[in-house]
């Protein structure tokens, strides 16, 4: 189960990163300010050194102007 959770977290992080690059052109400081978090948090998240809390997910979604559910769309813990 932990392996599945790790893969889901990696996928959500990839989705956030892709949208971040499109909207903020790689500027982590600008993204961090828009999300109300620390730039170090983003660096650790994108380098897979830190997990993502639900609170951080909501902040990042807000900064990206996307619904948090859109970042999770299509993901499942259960095998199909």
PDB file of N, CA and C in Angstrom:
ATOM      1  N   UNK A   1       0.822  -1.194   0.000  1.00  0.00           N
ATOM      2  CA  UNK A   1       0.000   0.000   0.000  1.00  0.00           C
ATOM      3  C   UNK A   1       0.867   1.259   0.000  1.00  0.00           C
ATOM      4  N   UNK A   2       1.954   1.238   0.760  1.00  0.00           N
ATOM      5  CA  UNK A   2       2.824   2.416   0.828  1.00  0.00           C
ATOM      6  C   UNK A   2       3.393   2.768  -0.535  1.00  0.00           C
ATOM      7  N   UNK A   3       3.685   1.742  -1.307  1.00  0.00           N
ATOM      8  CA  UNK A   3       4.216   1.971  -2.654  1.00  0.00           C
ATOM      9  C   UNK A   3       3.189   2.698  -3.524  1.00  0.00           C
ATOM     10  N   UNK A   4       1.923   2.316  -3.395  1.00  0.00           N
ATOM     11  CA  UNK A   4       0.854   2.988  -4.139  1.00  0.00           C
ATOM     12  C   UNK A   4       0.750   4.451  -3.710  1.00  0.00           C
ATOM     13  N   UNK A   5       0.808   4.703  -2.419  1.00  0.00           N
ATOM     14  CA  UNK A   5       0.716   6.064  -1.902  1.00  0.00           C
ATOM     15  C   UNK A   5       1.870   6.918  -2.413  1.00  0.00           C
ATOM     16  N   UNK A   6       3.055   6.344  -2.435  1.00  0.00           N
ATOM     17  CA  UNK A   6       4.218   7.075  -2.934  1.00  0.00           C
ATOM     18  C   UNK A   6       4.051   7.438  -4.413  1.00  0.00           C
ATOM     19  N   UNK A   7       3.513   6.516  -5.194  1.00  0.00           N
ATOM     20  CA  UNK A   7       3.304   6.781  -6.615  1.00  0.00           C
ATOM     21  C   UNK A   7       2.246   7.850  -6.833  1.00  0.00           C
ATOM     22  N   UNK A   8       1.190   7.820  -6.024  1.00  0.00           N
ATOM     23  CA  UNK A   8       0.150   8.843  -6.128  1.00  0.00           C
ATOM     24  C   UNK A   8       0.704  10.216  -5.766  1.00  0.00           C
ATOM     25  N   UNK A   9       1.490  10.264  -4.709  1.00  0.00           N
ATOM     26  CA  UNK A   9       2.095  11.536  -4.304  1.00  0.00           C
ATOM     27  C   UNK A   9       3.018  12.061  -5.393  1.00  0.00           C
ATOM     28  N   UNK A  10       3.773  11.181  -5.992  1.00  0.00           N
ATOM     29  CA  UNK A  10       4.677  11.572  -7.075  1.00  0.00           C
ATOM     30  C   UNK A  10       3.890  12.131  -8.264  1.00  0.00           C
ATOM     31  N   UNK A  11       2.767  11.505  -8.583  1.00  0.00           N
ATOM     32  CA  UNK A  11       1.938  11.966  -9.701  1.00  0.00           C
ATOM     33  C   UNK A  11       1.339  13.339  -9.416  1.00  0.00           C
ATOM     34  N   UNK A  12       0.838  13.552  -8.214  1.00  0.00           N
ATOM     35  CA  UNK A  12       0.271  14.856  -7.853  1.00  0.00           C
ATOM     36  C   UNK A  12       1.357  15.926  -7.905  1.00  0.00           C
ATOM     37  N   UNK A  13       2.543  15.600  -7.410  1.00  0.00           N
ATOM     38  CA  UNK A  13       3.662  16.545  -7.444  1.00  0.00           C
ATOM     39  C   UNK A  13       4.032  16.890  -8.887  1.00  0.00           C
ATOM     40  N   UNK A  14       4.028  15.906  -9.771  1.00  0.00           N
ATOM     41  CA  UNK A  14       4.317  16.153 -11.190  1.00  0.00           C
ATOM     42  C   UNK A  14       3.280  17.094 -11.804  1.00  0.00           C
ATOM     43  N   UNK A  15       2.025  16.881 -11.447  1.00  0.00           N
ATOM     44  CA  UNK A  15       0.956  17.735 -11.966  1.00  0.00           C
ATOM     45  C   UNK A  15       1.124  19.176 -11.480  1.00  0.00           C
ATOM     46  N   UNK A  16       1.427  19.319 -10.204  1.00  0.00           N
ATOM     47  CA  UNK A  16       1.650  20.659  -9.643  1.00  0.00           C
ATOM     48  C   UNK A  16       2.839  21.312 -10.336  1.00  0.00           C
ATOM     49  N   UNK A  17       3.917  20.561 -10.513  1.00  0.00           N
ATOM     50  CA  UNK A  17       5.129  21.101 -11.128  1.00  0.00           C
ATOM     51  C   UNK A  17       4.867  21.576 -12.555  1.00  0.00           C
ATOM     52  N   UNK A  18       4.120  20.777 -13.308  1.00  0.00           N
ATOM     53  CA  UNK A  18       3.814  21.139 -14.693  1.00  0.00           C
ATOM     54  C   UNK A  18       3.026  22.449 -14.752  1.00  0.00           C
ATOM     55  N   UNK A  19       2.026  22.575 -13.897  1.00  0.00           N
ATOM     56  CA  UNK A  19       1.217  23.796 -13.863  1.00  0.00           C
ATOM     57  C   UNK A  19       2.032  24.987 -13.348  1.00  0.00           C
ATOM     58  N   UNK A  20       2.889  24.726 -12.372  1.00  0.00           N
ATOM     59  CA  UNK A  20       3.773  25.762 -11.829  1.00  0.00           C
ATOM     60  C   UNK A  20       4.703  26.309 -12.911  1.00  0.00           C
ATOM     61  N   UNK A  21       5.272  25.426 -13.710  1.00  0.00           N
ATOM     62  CA  UNK A  21       6.176  25.862 -14.777  1.00  0.00           C
ATOM     63  C   UNK A  21       5.417  26.701 -15.812  1.00  0.00           C
ATOM     64  N   UNK A  22       4.192  26.318 -16.108  1.00  0.00           N
ATOM     65  CA  UNK A  22       3.405  27.053 -17.096  1.00  0.00           C
ATOM     66  C   UNK A  22       2.992  28.431 -16.576  1.00  0.00           C
ATOM     67  N   UNK A  23       2.596  28.494 -15.307  1.00  0.00           N
ATOM     68  CA  UNK A  23       2.073  29.751 -14.770  1.00  0.00           C
ATOM     69  C   UNK A  23       3.158  30.676 -14.221  1.00  0.00           C
ATOM     70  N   UNK A  24       4.173  30.110 -13.575  1.00  0.00           N
ATOM     71  CA  UNK A  24       5.189  30.924 -12.911  1.00  0.00           C
ATOM     72  C   UNK A  24       6.569  30.837 -13.566  1.00  0.00           C
ATOM     73  N   UNK A  25       6.664  30.151 -14.680  1.00  0.00           N
ATOM     74  CA  UNK A  25       7.910  30.039 -15.456  1.00  0.00           C
ATOM     75  C   UNK A  25       9.115  29.655 -14.596  1.00  0.00           C
ATOM     76  N   UNK A  26       8.889  28.757 -13.636  1.00  0.00           N
ATOM     77  CA  UNK A  26       9.990  28.268 -12.812  1.00  0.00           C
ATOM     78  C   UNK A  26      10.382  29.164 -11.652  1.00  0.00           C
ATOM     79  N   UNK A  27       9.668  30.245 -11.429  1.00  0.00           N
ATOM     80  CA  UNK A  27       9.998  31.174 -10.344  1.00  0.00           C
ATOM     81  C   UNK A  27       9.380  30.682  -9.039  1.00  0.00           C
ATOM     82  N   UNK A  28      10.170  29.948  -8.255  1.00  0.00           N
ATOM     83  CA  UNK A  28       9.679  29.365  -7.007  1.00  0.00           C
ATOM     84  C   UNK A  28       9.316  30.414  -5.972  1.00  0.00           C
ATOM     85  N   UNK A  29      10.048  31.508  -5.938  1.00  0.00           N
ATOM     86  CA  UNK A  29       9.758  32.557  -4.965  1.00  0.00           C
ATOM     87  C   UNK A  29       8.381  33.169  -5.228  1.00  0.00           C
ATOM     88  N   UNK A  30       8.080  33.446  -6.472  1.00  0.00           N
ATOM     89  CA  UNK A  30       6.788  34.011  -6.840  1.00  0.00           C
ATOM     90  C   UNK A  30       5.660  33.015  -6.531  1.00  0.00           C
ATOM     91  N   UNK A  31       5.880  31.751  -6.812  1.00  0.00           N
ATOM     92  CA  UNK A  31       4.895  30.713  -6.529  1.00  0.00           C
ATOM     93  C   UNK A  31       4.683  30.571  -5.025  1.00  0.00           C
ATOM     94  N   UNK A  32       5.760  30.581  -4.275  1.00  0.00           N
ATOM     95  CA  UNK A  32       5.670  30.459  -2.814  1.00  0.00           C
ATOM     96  C   UNK A  32       4.869  31.620  -2.221  1.00  0.00           C
ATOM     97  N   UNK A  33       5.106  32.823  -2.700  1.00  0.00           N
ATOM     98  CA  UNK A  33       4.357  33.984  -2.215  1.00  0.00           C
ATOM     99  C   UNK A  33       2.875  33.860  -2.540  1.00  0.00           C
ATOM    100  N   UNK A  34       2.562  33.426  -3.755  1.00  0.00           N
ATOM    101  CA  UNK A  34       1.164  33.269  -4.162  1.00  0.00           C
ATOM    102  C   UNK A  34       0.465  32.177  -3.352  1.00  0.00           C
ATOM    103  N   UNK A  35       1.218  31.162  -2.961  1.00  0.00           N
ATOM    104  CA  UNK A  35       0.652  30.040  -2.212  1.00  0.00           C
ATOM    105  C   UNK A  35       0.688  30.273  -0.703  1.00  0.00           C
ATOM    106  N   UNK A  36       1.441  31.253  -0.254  1.00  0.00           N
ATOM    107  CA  UNK A  36       1.547  31.505   1.180  1.00  0.00           C
ATOM    108  C   UNK A  36       2.365  30.449   1.904  1.00  0.00           C
ATOM    109  N   UNK A  37       3.411  29.995   1.245  1.00  0.00           N
ATOM    110  CA  UNK A  37       4.302  29.014   1.876  1.00  0.00           C
ATOM    111  C   UNK A  37       5.750  29.439   1.651  1.00  0.00           C
ATOM    112  N   UNK A  38       6.658  28.678   2.185  1.00  0.00           N
ATOM    113  CA  UNK A  38       8.079  28.977   2.092  1.00  0.00           C
ATOM    114  C   UNK A  38       8.657  28.398   0.797  1.00  0.00           C
ATOM    115  N   UNK A  39       9.583  29.121   0.213  1.00  0.00           N
ATOM    116  CA  UNK A  39      10.227  28.636  -1.012  1.00  0.00           C
ATOM    117  C   UNK A  39      10.943  27.305  -0.769  1.00  0.00           C
ATOM    118  N   UNK A  40      11.487  27.140   0.419  1.00  0.00           N
ATOM    119  CA  UNK A  40      12.179  25.891   0.767  1.00  0.00           C
ATOM    120  C   UNK A  40      11.208  24.704   0.714  1.00  0.00           C
ATOM    121  N   UNK A  41       9.971  24.935   1.112  1.00  0.00           N
ATOM    122  CA  UNK A  41       8.952  23.886   1.058  1.00  0.00           C
ATOM    123  C   UNK A  41       8.763  23.414  -0.370  1.00  0.00           C
ATOM    124  N   UNK A  42       8.694  24.353  -1.305  1.00  0.00           N
ATOM    125  CA  UNK A  42       8.537  23.990  -2.714  1.00  0.00           C
ATOM    126  C   UNK A  42       9.753  23.246  -3.236  1.00  0.00           C
ATOM    127  N   UNK A  43      10.921  23.714  -2.862  1.00  0.00           N
ATOM    128  CA  UNK A  43      12.156  23.066  -3.312  1.00  0.00           C
ATOM    129  C   UNK A  43      12.189  21.610  -2.823  1.00  0.00           C
ATOM    130  N   UNK A  44      11.859  21.404  -1.555  1.00  0.00           N
ATOM    131  CA  UNK A  44      11.858  20.050  -1.007  1.00  0.00           C
ATOM    132  C   UNK A  44      10.778  19.186  -1.648  1.00  0.00           C
ATOM    133  N   UNK A  45       9.633  19.772  -1.902  1.00  0.00           N
ATOM    134  CA  UNK A  45       8.542  19.036  -2.541  1.00  0.00           C
ATOM    135  C   UNK A  45       8.941  18.587  -3.938  1.00  0.00           C
ATOM    136  N   UNK A  46       9.482  19.501  -4.729  1.00  0.00           N
ATOM    137  CA  UNK A  46       9.832  19.178  -6.107  1.00  0.00           C
ATOM    138  C   UNK A  46      11.040  18.255  -6.207  1.00  0.00           C
ATOM    139  N   UNK A  47      11.859  18.237  -5.192  1.00  0.00           N
ATOM    140  CA  UNK A  47      13.012  17.328  -5.177  1.00  0.00           C
ATOM    141  C   UNK A  47      12.670  16.022  -4.465  1.00  0.00           C
ATOM    142  N   UNK A  48      11.388  15.828  -4.152  1.00  0.00           N
ATOM    143  CA  UNK A  48      10.868  14.620  -3.517  1.00  0.00           C
ATOM    144  C   UNK A  48      11.475  14.373  -2.137  1.00  0.00           C
ATOM    145  N   UNK A  49      11.863  15.434  -1.455  1.00  0.00           N
ATOM    146  CA  UNK A  49      12.401  15.294  -0.107  1.00  0.00           C
ATOM    147  C   UNK A  49      11.347  15.521   0.959  1.00  0.00           C
ATOM    148  N   UNK A  50      10.168  15.956   0.540  1.00  0.00           N
ATOM    149  CA  UNK A  50       9.114  16.265   1.490  1.00  0.00           C
ATOM    150  C   UNK A  50       7.776  15.864   0.896  1.00  0.00           C
ATOM    151  N   UNK A  51       6.901  15.379   1.740  1.00  0.00           N
ATOM    152  CA  UNK A  51       5.562  15.030   1.304  1.00  0.00           C
ATOM    153  C   UNK A  51       4.684  16.277   1.224  1.00  0.00           C
ATOM    154  N   UNK A  52       3.453  16.068   0.792  1.00  0.00           N
ATOM    155  CA  UNK A  52       2.522  17.175   0.646  1.00  0.00           C
ATOM    156  C   UNK A  52       1.355  16.964   1.601  1.00  0.00           C
ATOM    157  N   UNK A  53       1.127  17.936   2.455  1.00  0.00           N
ATOM    158  CA  UNK A  53      -0.030  17.879   3.331  1.00  0.00           C
ATOM    159  C   UNK A  53      -1.266  18.333   2.567  1.00  0.00           C
ATOM    160  N   UNK A  54      -2.410  18.049   3.116  1.00  0.00           N
ATOM    161  CA  UNK A  54      -3.653  18.504   2.507  1.00  0.00           C
ATOM    162  C   UNK A  54      -3.702  20.029   2.488  1.00  0.00           C
ATOM    163  N   UNK A  55      -3.231  20.634   3.545  1.00  0.00           N
ATOM    164  CA  UNK A  55      -3.170  22.098   3.625  1.00  0.00           C
ATOM    165  C   UNK A  55      -2.300  22.672   2.507  1.00  0.00           C
ATOM    166  N   UNK A  56      -1.140  22.077   2.282  1.00  0.00           N
ATOM    167  CA  UNK A  56      -0.251  22.546   1.213  1.00  0.00           C
ATOM    168  C   UNK A  56      -0.890  22.326  -0.155  1.00  0.00           C
ATOM    169  N   UNK A  57      -1.568  21.208  -0.333  1.00  0.00           N
ATOM    170  CA  UNK A  57      -2.257  20.947  -1.595  1.00  0.00           C
ATOM    171  C   UNK A  57      -3.257  22.064  -1.899  1.00  0.00           C
ATOM    172  N   UNK A  58      -4.038  22.462  -0.898  1.00  0.00           N
ATOM    173  CA  UNK A  58      -5.011  23.535  -1.085  1.00  0.00           C
ATOM    174  C   UNK A  58      -4.336  24.863  -1.409  1.00  0.00           C
ATOM    175  N   UNK A  59      -3.233  25.161  -0.735  1.00  0.00           N
ATOM    176  CA  UNK A  59      -2.508  26.408  -0.992  1.00  0.00           C
ATOM    177  C   UNK A  59      -1.942  26.443  -2.409  1.00  0.00           C
ATOM    178  N   UNK A  60      -1.369  25.340  -2.829  1.00  0.00           N
ATOM    179  CA  UNK A  60      -0.785  25.277  -4.170  1.00  0.00           C
ATOM    180  C   UNK A  60      -1.871  25.371  -5.237  1.00  0.00           C
ATOM    181  N   UNK A  61      -2.984  24.698  -5.003  1.00  0.00           N
ATOM    182  CA  UNK A  61      -4.099  24.764  -5.947  1.00  0.00           C
ATOM    183  C   UNK A  61      -4.623  26.198  -6.052  1.00  0.00           C
ATOM    184  N   UNK A  62      -4.722  26.879  -4.936  1.00  0.00           N
ATOM    185  CA  UNK A  62      -5.185  28.272  -4.933  1.00  0.00           C
ATOM    186  C   UNK A  62      -4.246  29.147  -5.772  1.00  0.00           C
ATOM    187  N   UNK A  63      -2.940  28.984  -5.554  1.00  0.00           N
ATOM    188  CA  UNK A  63      -1.956  29.783  -6.296  1.00  0.00           C
ATOM    189  C   UNK A  63      -1.992  29.470  -7.785  1.00  0.00           C
ATOM    190  N   UNK A  64      -2.313  28.232  -8.122  1.00  0.00           N
ATOM    191  CA  UNK A  64      -2.379  27.815  -9.525  1.00  0.00           C
ATOM    192  C   UNK A  64      -3.747  28.090 -10.144  1.00  0.00           C
ATOM    193  N   UNK A  65      -4.660  28.587  -9.317  1.00  0.00           N
ATOM    194  CA  UNK A  65      -6.032  28.881  -9.746  1.00  0.00           C
ATOM    195  C   UNK A  65      -6.699  27.652 -10.357  1.00  0.00           C
ATOM    196  N   UNK A  66      -6.626  26.562  -9.614  1.00  0.00           N
ATOM    197  CA  UNK A  66      -7.211  25.289 -10.033  1.00  0.00           C
ATOM    198  C   UNK A  66      -7.854  24.648  -8.801  1.00  0.00           C
ATOM    199  N   UNK A  67      -8.889  23.885  -9.012  1.00  0.00           N
ATOM    200  CA  UNK A  67      -9.531  23.176  -7.906  1.00  0.00           C
ATOM    201  C   UNK A  67      -8.622  22.037  -7.439  1.00  0.00           C
ATOM    202  N   UNK A  68      -8.492  21.844  -6.131  1.00  0.00           N
ATOM    203  CA  UNK A  68      -7.672  20.729  -5.644  1.00  0.00           C
ATOM    204  C   UNK A  68      -8.120  19.388  -6.228  1.00  0.00           C
ATOM    205  N   UNK A  69      -9.405  19.229  -6.429  1.00  0.00           N
ATOM    206  CA  UNK A  69      -9.913  17.974  -6.997  1.00  0.00           C
ATOM    207  C   UNK A  69      -9.386  17.733  -8.408  1.00  0.00           C
ATOM    208  N   UNK A  70      -9.104  18.810  -9.148  1.00  0.00           N
ATOM    209  CA  UNK A  70      -8.543  18.658 -10.490  1.00  0.00           C
ATOM    210  C   UNK A  70      -7.129  18.066 -10.433  1.00  0.00           C
ATOM    211  N   UNK A  71      -6.403  18.387  -9.369  1.00  0.00           N
ATOM    212  CA  UNK A  71      -5.057  17.826  -9.213  1.00  0.00           C
ATOM    213  C   UNK A  71      -5.114  16.335  -8.874  1.00  0.00           C
ATOM    214  N   UNK A  72      -6.236  15.911  -8.308  1.00  0.00           N
ATOM    215  CA  UNK A  72      -6.391  14.516  -7.894  1.00  0.00           C
ATOM    216  C   UNK A  72      -7.219  13.687  -8.869  1.00  0.00           C
ATOM    217  N   UNK A  73      -7.723  14.330  -9.903  1.00  0.00           N
ATOM    218  CA  UNK A  73      -8.622  13.660 -10.853  1.00  0.00           C
ATOM    219  C   UNK A  73      -7.969  12.423 -11.471  1.00  0.00           C
ATOM    220  N   UNK A  74      -8.712  11.344 -11.464  1.00  0.00           N
ATOM    221  CA  UNK A  74      -8.252  10.115 -12.106  1.00  0.00           C
ATOM    222  C   UNK A  74      -7.353   9.242 -11.258  1.00  0.00           C
ATOM    223  N   UNK A  75      -6.988   9.694 -10.073  1.00  0.00           N
ATOM    224  CA  UNK A  75      -6.121   8.902  -9.200  1.00  0.00           C
ATOM    225  C   UNK A  75      -6.970   8.003  -8.310  1.00  0.00           C
ATOM    226  N   UNK A  76      -6.481   6.805  -8.015  1.00  0.00           N
ATOM    227  CA  UNK A  76      -7.203   5.882  -7.179  1.00  0.00           C
ATOM    228  C   UNK A  76      -6.237   5.028  -6.363  1.00  0.00           C
ATOM    229  N   UNK A  77      -6.642   4.726  -5.153  1.00  0.00           N
ATOM    230  CA  UNK A  77      -5.851   3.826  -4.314  1.00  0.00           C
ATOM    231  C   UNK A  77      -6.123   2.360  -4.652  1.00  0.00           C
ATOM    232  N   UNK A  78      -7.238   2.134  -5.270  1.00  0.00           N
ATOM    233  CA  UNK A  78      -7.665   0.767  -5.518  1.00  0.00           C
ATOM    234  C   UNK A  78      -7.299   0.332  -6.929  1.00  0.00           C
ATOM    235  N   UNK A  79      -6.899  -0.907  -7.047  1.00  0.00           N
ATOM    236  CA  UNK A  79      -6.570  -1.442  -8.375  1.00  0.00           C
ATOM    237  C   UNK A  79      -7.852  -1.634  -9.167  1.00  0.00           C
ATOM    238  N   UNK A  80      -7.769  -1.317 -10.442  1.00  0.00           N
ATOM    239  CA  UNK A  80      -8.951  -1.445 -11.301  1.00  0.00           C
ATOM    240  C   UNK A  80      -8.870  -2.682 -12.137  1.00  0.00           C
TER     241      UNK A  80
END
